[in-house]
């Protein structure tokens, strides 16, 4: 059953990507919509990142996770190497949880 679900999702994903290539010439988007699509994609990614940083299932994740994300964002903004950003964010979250902060 699991294999069938994986295959169905794979076929569906491939079909959606292929339909974009095949229908590209048939679909005409207005200039305002073409300018709006990259902004909409960025807004969707920001909402997804915000939800993942703050929520666990349907509850608030606690203070440790957002603190780790904030440290990671600060280091990324300061152009620290990626490995340093990930390790520092994980370390902050882990140390806060070890200290008993939810």
Protein backbone atom coordinates (compact mmCIF):
# COMPACT_ATOMS: atom_id res chain seq x y z
CA UNK A 1 0.00 0.00 0.00
CA UNK A 2 2.84 2.39 0.86
CA UNK A 3 4.57 1.72 -2.46
CA UNK A 4 1.34 2.47 -4.34
CA UNK A 5 0.98 5.81 -2.52
CA UNK A 6 4.59 6.75 -3.29
CA UNK A 7 4.17 5.83 -6.95
CA UNK A 8 0.88 7.78 -7.17
CA UNK A 9 2.45 10.87 -5.64
CA UNK A 10 5.46 10.58 -7.94
CA UNK A 11 3.27 10.25 -11.05
CA UNK A 12 1.09 13.16 -9.92
CA UNK A 13 4.11 15.37 -9.30
CA UNK A 14 5.62 14.51 -12.67
CA UNK A 15 2.27 15.15 -14.41
CA UNK A 16 1.93 18.58 -12.80
CA UNK A 17 5.45 19.55 -13.84
CA UNK A 18 4.94 18.22 -17.35
CA UNK A 19 1.64 20.09 -17.71
CA UNK A 20 3.45 23.35 -16.95
CA UNK A 21 5.87 22.72 -19.82
CA UNK A 22 3.17 21.56 -22.24
CA UNK A 23 0.68 24.34 -21.47
CA UNK A 24 3.20 27.20 -21.35
CA UNK A 25 2.36 28.45 -24.85
CA UNK A 26 -1.42 28.13 -24.34
CA UNK A 27 -1.61 30.12 -21.11
CA UNK A 28 -1.21 33.88 -21.36
CA UNK A 29 -0.65 35.78 -18.10
CA UNK A 30 -1.09 39.50 -17.76
CA UNK A 31 1.89 41.70 -16.94
CA UNK A 32 0.58 42.51 -13.48
CA UNK A 33 0.12 38.82 -12.69
CA UNK A 34 3.62 38.02 -13.93
CA UNK A 35 5.01 40.65 -11.54
CA UNK A 36 2.88 39.32 -8.68
CA UNK A 37 3.83 35.62 -8.94
CA UNK A 38 7.42 35.92 -7.59
CA UNK A 39 6.15 38.04 -4.70
CA UNK A 40 3.45 35.48 -3.97
CA UNK A 41 6.01 32.68 -3.97
CA UNK A 42 8.20 34.60 -1.50
CA UNK A 43 5.20 35.29 0.74
CA UNK A 44 4.23 31.61 0.69
CA UNK A 45 7.76 30.53 1.64
CA UNK A 46 7.89 33.13 4.43
CA UNK A 47 4.56 31.90 5.81
CA UNK A 48 5.75 28.31 5.69
CA UNK A 49 9.01 29.19 7.46
CA UNK A 50 7.15 31.20 10.10
CA UNK A 51 4.71 28.39 10.76
CA UNK A 52 7.48 25.81 10.99
CA UNK A 53 9.48 28.04 13.35
CA UNK A 54 6.62 28.76 15.73
CA UNK A 55 4.24 25.80 15.66
CA UNK A 56 4.41 22.09 16.43
CA UNK A 57 1.28 20.31 15.23
CA UNK A 58 -1.43 22.74 16.26
CA UNK A 59 0.31 24.13 19.35
CA UNK A 60 2.97 26.74 20.00
CA UNK A 61 6.41 25.10 19.86
CA UNK A 62 7.73 26.93 22.90
CA UNK A 63 10.52 29.46 23.24
CA UNK A 64 13.51 27.23 22.36
CA UNK A 65 12.68 26.71 18.69
CA UNK A 66 11.97 30.36 17.82
CA UNK A 67 15.12 31.37 19.73
CA UNK A 68 17.19 28.94 17.67
CA UNK A 69 15.60 30.22 14.47
CA UNK A 70 16.33 33.81 15.52
CA UNK A 71 19.99 32.99 16.18
CA UNK A 72 20.20 31.23 12.82
CA UNK A 73 18.57 34.16 11.05
CA UNK A 74 20.92 36.62 12.73
CA UNK A 75 23.98 34.60 11.74
CA UNK A 76 22.69 34.18 8.18
CA UNK A 77 22.10 37.92 7.98
CA UNK A 78 25.70 38.47 9.16
CA UNK A 79 26.77 36.10 6.34
CA UNK A 80 28.14 33.34 8.54
CA UNK A 81 28.91 30.02 6.82
CA UNK A 82 25.90 27.75 6.44
CA UNK A 83 27.30 25.05 8.71
CA UNK A 84 27.87 27.63 11.47
CA UNK A 85 24.29 28.91 11.08
CA UNK A 86 22.77 25.43 11.37
CA UNK A 87 24.97 24.27 14.23
CA UNK A 88 24.49 27.48 16.23
CA UNK A 89 20.72 27.44 15.78
CA UNK A 90 20.51 23.79 16.82
CA UNK A 91 22.84 24.38 19.76
CA UNK A 92 20.80 27.31 21.07
CA UNK A 93 17.56 25.33 20.84
CA UNK A 94 19.15 22.26 22.42
CA UNK A 95 20.74 24.22 25.28
CA UNK A 96 17.50 26.03 26.05
CA UNK A 97 15.62 22.72 26.11
CA UNK A 98 18.34 21.19 28.28
CA UNK A 99 17.88 24.13 30.68
CA UNK A 100 14.18 23.33 30.90
CA UNK A 101 12.86 26.07 28.62
CA UNK A 102 10.01 24.63 26.51
